[in-house]
Amino acid sequence: MSDSHRPQAKAYWAKNIRLVLSLLAAWFLVSFGMAILFVEFLDDFRFFGFKFGFWMAQQGSIYCFVIIIFVYVYKMNKLDHKYGVSEDKDDTWNQNPESDK
């Protein structure tokens, strides 16, 4: 996909941006929403003996961030394979033979 104006390249980048924005929304919800905005509501619940709002602000958000990283890597690898832009050397089966011209 050397030509960024091809429809395939535009579709790839549209899906890429959609994935990034959805993961940023999840990050915002966890970091700002659960740890600041909804902390008083979440503190009504207990988790491992701690108030859930406190636990999310201190520990849970870190776990969520790590999960977001793994989700991003997994989804981007699938997207790269689908559009033939994978960094794997053995991913030649999915590439368009017309792209070599």
N, C-alpha and C. Protein backbone atom coordinates (compact mmCIF):
# COMPACT_ATOMS: atom_id res chain seq x y z
N MET A 1 0.83 -1.19 0.00
CA MET A 1 0.00 0.00 0.00
C MET A 1 0.87 1.25 0.00
N SER A 2 1.72 1.36 -1.01
CA SER A 2 2.60 2.51 -1.06
C SER A 2 1.85 3.78 -1.44
N ASP A 3 0.78 3.65 -2.19
CA ASP A 3 0.00 4.81 -2.59
C ASP A 3 -1.12 5.03 -1.57
N SER A 4 -1.03 6.12 -0.82
CA SER A 4 -1.99 6.36 0.26
C SER A 4 -3.34 6.84 -0.25
N HIS A 5 -3.49 7.02 -1.56
CA HIS A 5 -4.76 7.50 -2.11
C HIS A 5 -5.62 6.35 -2.63
N ARG A 6 -5.13 5.14 -2.57
CA ARG A 6 -5.91 4.00 -3.03
C ARG A 6 -7.06 3.74 -2.05
N PRO A 7 -8.18 3.23 -2.55
CA PRO A 7 -9.32 2.94 -1.67
C PRO A 7 -8.97 1.96 -0.55
N GLN A 8 -8.09 0.99 -0.84
CA GLN A 8 -7.69 0.03 0.18
C GLN A 8 -6.92 0.72 1.30
N ALA A 9 -6.06 1.66 0.95
CA ALA A 9 -5.29 2.39 1.95
C ALA A 9 -6.21 3.27 2.79
N LYS A 10 -7.18 3.89 2.14
CA LYS A 10 -8.12 4.73 2.89
C LYS A 10 -8.96 3.91 3.85
N ALA A 11 -9.38 2.73 3.43
CA ALA A 11 -10.16 1.86 4.30
C ALA A 11 -9.32 1.39 5.49
N TYR A 12 -8.05 1.07 5.21
CA TYR A 12 -7.14 0.65 6.28
C TYR A 12 -6.99 1.75 7.33
N TRP A 13 -6.74 2.97 6.88
CA TRP A 13 -6.54 4.06 7.82
C TRP A 13 -7.82 4.45 8.54
N ALA A 14 -8.96 4.31 7.88
CA ALA A 14 -10.23 4.59 8.55
C ALA A 14 -10.46 3.61 9.70
N LYS A 15 -10.17 2.33 9.46
CA LYS A 15 -10.32 1.33 10.52
C LYS A 15 -9.28 1.53 11.61
N ASN A 16 -8.07 1.92 11.21
CA ASN A 16 -7.01 2.18 12.17
C ASN A 16 -7.40 3.33 13.11
N ILE A 17 -7.88 4.42 12.54
CA ILE A 17 -8.29 5.58 13.34
C ILE A 17 -9.48 5.24 14.22
N ARG A 18 -10.43 4.45 13.70
CA ARG A 18 -11.59 4.05 14.49
C ARG A 18 -11.15 3.22 15.71
N LEU A 19 -10.19 2.32 15.50
CA LEU A 19 -9.67 1.51 16.61
C LEU A 19 -8.99 2.39 17.65
N VAL A 20 -8.14 3.30 17.21
CA VAL A 20 -7.43 4.17 18.13
C VAL A 20 -8.40 5.05 18.92
N LEU A 21 -9.39 5.60 18.25
CA LEU A 21 -10.36 6.45 18.95
C LEU A 21 -11.20 5.67 19.95
N SER A 22 -11.56 4.44 19.61
CA SER A 22 -12.34 3.64 20.56
C SER A 22 -11.50 3.25 21.78
N LEU A 23 -10.23 2.95 21.57
CA LEU A 23 -9.37 2.63 22.71
C LEU A 23 -9.06 3.87 23.55
N LEU A 24 -8.96 5.02 22.91
CA LEU A 24 -8.78 6.27 23.67
C LEU A 24 -10.02 6.59 24.49
N ALA A 25 -11.19 6.28 23.95
CA ALA A 25 -12.43 6.48 24.71
C ALA A 25 -12.46 5.57 25.93
N ALA A 26 -12.04 4.32 25.75
CA ALA A 26 -11.97 3.40 26.89
C ALA A 26 -10.96 3.90 27.92
N TRP A 27 -9.82 4.38 27.45
CA TRP A 27 -8.80 4.92 28.35
C TRP A 27 -9.36 6.11 29.14
N PHE A 28 -10.08 7.00 28.45
CA PHE A 28 -10.66 8.16 29.12
C PHE A 28 -11.69 7.73 30.16
N LEU A 29 -12.53 6.77 29.79
CA LEU A 29 -13.55 6.29 30.72
C LEU A 29 -12.92 5.71 31.98
N VAL A 30 -11.87 4.95 31.81
CA VAL A 30 -11.22 4.33 32.97
C VAL A 30 -10.45 5.37 33.80
N SER A 31 -9.64 6.17 33.13
CA SER A 31 -8.77 7.08 33.88
C SER A 31 -9.51 8.27 34.46
N PHE A 32 -10.32 8.91 33.67
CA PHE A 32 -10.99 10.12 34.14
C PHE A 32 -12.37 9.79 34.73
N GLY A 33 -13.10 8.93 34.05
CA GLY A 33 -14.45 8.62 34.50
C GLY A 33 -14.49 7.85 35.80
N MET A 34 -13.85 6.68 35.83
CA MET A 34 -13.92 5.83 37.01
C MET A 34 -13.08 6.34 38.17
N ALA A 35 -11.99 7.00 37.88
CA ALA A 35 -11.09 7.44 38.95
C ALA A 35 -11.42 8.83 39.48
N ILE A 36 -12.20 9.64 38.73
CA ILE A 36 -12.48 11.01 39.17
C ILE A 36 -13.98 11.29 39.20
N LEU A 37 -14.65 11.11 38.06
CA LEU A 37 -16.05 11.51 37.97
C LEU A 37 -17.00 10.61 38.76
N PHE A 38 -16.82 9.31 38.66
CA PHE A 38 -17.76 8.37 39.28
C PHE A 38 -17.20 7.72 40.53
N VAL A 39 -16.16 8.29 41.11
CA VAL A 39 -15.50 7.65 42.25
C VAL A 39 -16.43 7.55 43.46
N GLU A 40 -17.25 8.55 43.69
CA GLU A 40 -18.14 8.51 44.85
C GLU A 40 -19.19 7.41 44.70
N PHE A 41 -19.73 7.25 43.49
CA PHE A 41 -20.68 6.18 43.25
C PHE A 41 -20.01 4.82 43.37
N LEU A 42 -18.81 4.69 42.81
CA LEU A 42 -18.11 3.41 42.84
C LEU A 42 -17.63 3.04 44.24
N ASP A 43 -17.44 4.04 45.09
CA ASP A 43 -16.99 3.75 46.46
C ASP A 43 -18.06 3.05 47.29
N ASP A 44 -19.29 2.99 46.80
CA ASP A 44 -20.33 2.24 47.50
C ASP A 44 -20.12 0.73 47.39
N PHE A 45 -19.27 0.30 46.48
CA PHE A 45 -18.99 -1.12 46.27
C PHE A 45 -17.62 -1.46 46.81
N ARG A 46 -17.46 -2.69 47.24
CA ARG A 46 -16.17 -3.17 47.77
C ARG A 46 -15.55 -4.15 46.78
N PHE A 47 -14.24 -4.08 46.66
CA PHE A 47 -13.49 -4.97 45.78
C PHE A 47 -12.19 -5.32 46.48
N PHE A 48 -12.00 -6.59 46.80
CA PHE A 48 -10.83 -7.05 47.56
C PHE A 48 -10.68 -6.29 48.87
N GLY A 49 -11.78 -5.90 49.47
CA GLY A 49 -11.77 -5.20 50.75
C GLY A 49 -11.58 -3.70 50.65
N PHE A 50 -11.41 -3.18 49.47
CA PHE A 50 -11.22 -1.74 49.27
C PHE A 50 -12.46 -1.16 48.60
N LYS A 51 -12.64 0.14 48.76
CA LYS A 51 -13.68 0.82 48.01
C LYS A 51 -13.32 0.73 46.53
N PHE A 52 -14.32 0.40 45.70
CA PHE A 52 -14.05 0.13 44.29
C PHE A 52 -13.52 1.37 43.56
N GLY A 53 -14.02 2.55 43.87
CA GLY A 53 -13.52 3.77 43.24
C GLY A 53 -12.06 4.01 43.56
N PHE A 54 -11.69 3.80 44.82
CA PHE A 54 -10.29 3.94 45.22
C PHE A 54 -9.43 2.90 44.51
N TRP A 55 -9.92 1.65 44.48
CA TRP A 55 -9.15 0.57 43.86
C TRP A 55 -8.95 0.85 42.37
N MET A 56 -10.00 1.33 41.68
CA MET A 56 -9.86 1.63 40.26
C MET A 56 -8.86 2.77 40.03
N ALA A 57 -8.87 3.76 40.88
CA ALA A 57 -7.95 4.88 40.73
C ALA A 57 -6.50 4.45 40.97
N GLN A 58 -6.30 3.53 41.89
CA GLN A 58 -4.94 3.16 42.27
C GLN A 58 -4.40 1.94 41.52
N GLN A 59 -5.21 0.91 41.36
CA GLN A 59 -4.71 -0.35 40.79
C GLN A 59 -5.44 -0.75 39.51
N GLY A 60 -6.74 -0.67 39.54
CA GLY A 60 -7.53 -1.16 38.41
C GLY A 60 -7.25 -0.45 37.12
N SER A 61 -6.99 0.84 37.18
CA SER A 61 -6.71 1.58 35.95
C SER A 61 -5.42 1.08 35.29
N ILE A 62 -4.45 0.69 36.08
CA ILE A 62 -3.20 0.16 35.52
C ILE A 62 -3.48 -1.14 34.78
N TYR A 63 -4.29 -2.02 35.37
CA TYR A 63 -4.66 -3.27 34.70
C TYR A 63 -5.41 -2.98 33.41
N CYS A 64 -6.31 -2.03 33.46
CA CYS A 64 -7.08 -1.67 32.26
C CYS A 64 -6.17 -1.12 31.17
N PHE A 65 -5.19 -0.33 31.52
CA PHE A 65 -4.27 0.22 30.53
C PHE A 65 -3.46 -0.89 29.87
N VAL A 66 -3.02 -1.86 30.64
CA VAL A 66 -2.27 -2.98 30.07
C VAL A 66 -3.17 -3.79 29.14
N ILE A 67 -4.41 -3.99 29.53
CA ILE A 67 -5.36 -4.71 28.67
C ILE A 67 -5.59 -3.94 27.38
N ILE A 68 -5.69 -2.62 27.46
CA ILE A 68 -5.87 -1.79 26.27
C ILE A 68 -4.68 -1.96 25.32
N ILE A 69 -3.48 -2.03 25.85
CA ILE A 69 -2.29 -2.23 25.02
C ILE A 69 -2.36 -3.56 24.28
N PHE A 70 -2.71 -4.62 25.00
CA PHE A 70 -2.80 -5.94 24.36
C PHE A 70 -3.91 -5.99 23.33
N VAL A 71 -5.03 -5.34 23.60
CA VAL A 71 -6.13 -5.30 22.63
C VAL A 71 -5.67 -4.56 21.38
N TYR A 72 -4.96 -3.46 21.55
CA TYR A 72 -4.46 -2.70 20.40
C TYR A 72 -3.52 -3.55 19.55
N VAL A 73 -2.59 -4.22 20.19
CA VAL A 73 -1.63 -5.05 19.44
C VAL A 73 -2.35 -6.16 18.69
N TYR A 74 -3.28 -6.83 19.34
CA TYR A 74 -4.02 -7.92 18.72
C TYR A 74 -4.84 -7.43 17.53
N LYS A 75 -5.60 -6.35 17.75
CA LYS A 75 -6.47 -5.83 16.69
C LYS A 75 -5.66 -5.27 15.51
N MET A 76 -4.55 -4.60 15.80
CA MET A 76 -3.74 -4.04 14.71
C MET A 76 -3.06 -5.14 13.92
N ASN A 77 -2.63 -6.20 14.56
CA ASN A 77 -2.05 -7.33 13.83
C ASN A 77 -3.08 -7.94 12.90
N LYS A 78 -4.32 -8.11 13.38
CA LYS A 78 -5.38 -8.63 12.52
C LYS A 78 -5.64 -7.69 11.35
N LEU A 79 -5.69 -6.39 11.62
CA LEU A 79 -5.93 -5.40 10.57
C LEU A 79 -4.78 -5.39 9.56
N ASP A 80 -3.56 -5.45 10.04
CA ASP A 80 -2.40 -5.47 9.15
C ASP A 80 -2.43 -6.71 8.25
N HIS A 81 -2.75 -7.85 8.82
CA HIS A 81 -2.83 -9.08 8.02
C HIS A 81 -3.95 -8.98 6.98
N LYS A 82 -5.06 -8.40 7.37
CA LYS A 82 -6.20 -8.28 6.46
C LYS A 82 -5.86 -7.44 5.24
N TYR A 83 -5.09 -6.36 5.45
CA TYR A 83 -4.76 -5.45 4.36
C TYR A 83 -3.37 -5.70 3.76
N GLY A 84 -2.70 -6.74 4.23
CA GLY A 84 -1.42 -7.10 3.64
C GLY A 84 -0.28 -6.16 3.95
N VAL A 85 -0.33 -5.51 5.09
CA VAL A 85 0.76 -4.61 5.48
C VAL A 85 1.44 -5.09 6.76
N SER A 86 1.36 -6.39 6.98
CA SER A 86 1.93 -6.97 8.18
C SER A 86 3.45 -6.90 8.13
N GLU A 87 4.07 -6.86 9.28
CA GLU A 87 5.52 -6.86 9.36
C GLU A 87 6.10 -8.27 9.34
N ASP A 88 5.22 -9.28 9.36
CA ASP A 88 5.68 -10.66 9.30
C ASP A 88 6.21 -10.96 7.91
N LYS A 89 7.31 -11.68 7.85
CA LYS A 89 7.91 -12.01 6.57
C LYS A 89 7.10 -13.05 5.81
N ASP A 90 6.34 -13.88 6.52
CA ASP A 90 5.58 -14.94 5.86
C ASP A 90 4.16 -14.53 5.53
N ASP A 91 3.87 -13.25 5.53
CA ASP A 91 2.52 -12.76 5.26
C ASP A 91 2.34 -12.39 3.78
N THR A 92 2.90 -13.18 2.90
CA THR A 92 2.79 -12.87 1.48
C THR A 92 1.53 -13.44 0.86
N TRP A 93 0.85 -14.33 1.54
CA TRP A 93 -0.36 -14.96 0.99
C TRP A 93 -1.50 -13.97 0.85
N ASN A 94 -1.51 -12.92 1.64
CA ASN A 94 -2.65 -12.00 1.64
C ASN A 94 -2.39 -10.74 0.80
N GLN A 95 -1.19 -10.60 0.31
CA GLN A 95 -0.87 -9.39 -0.43
C GLN A 95 -1.39 -9.50 -1.86
N ASN A 96 -1.74 -8.36 -2.39
CA ASN A 96 -2.25 -8.28 -3.75
C ASN A 96 -1.09 -8.39 -4.72
N PRO A 97 -1.12 -9.35 -5.67
CA PRO A 97 0.01 -9.48 -6.62
C PRO A 97 0.14 -8.26 -7.51
N GLU A 98 -0.90 -7.49 -7.67
CA GLU A 98 -0.83 -6.29 -8.49
C GLU A 98 -0.01 -5.19 -7.83
N SER A 99 0.20 -5.29 -6.50
CA SER A 99 0.91 -4.23 -5.78
C SER A 99 2.40 -4.23 -6.08
N ASP A 100 2.92 -5.31 -6.67
CA ASP A 100 4.35 -5.39 -6.98
C ASP A 100 4.71 -4.64 -8.25
N LYS A 101 3.72 -4.22 -9.01
CA LYS A 101 4.01 -3.53 -10.28
C LYS A 101 4.34 -2.09 -10.07
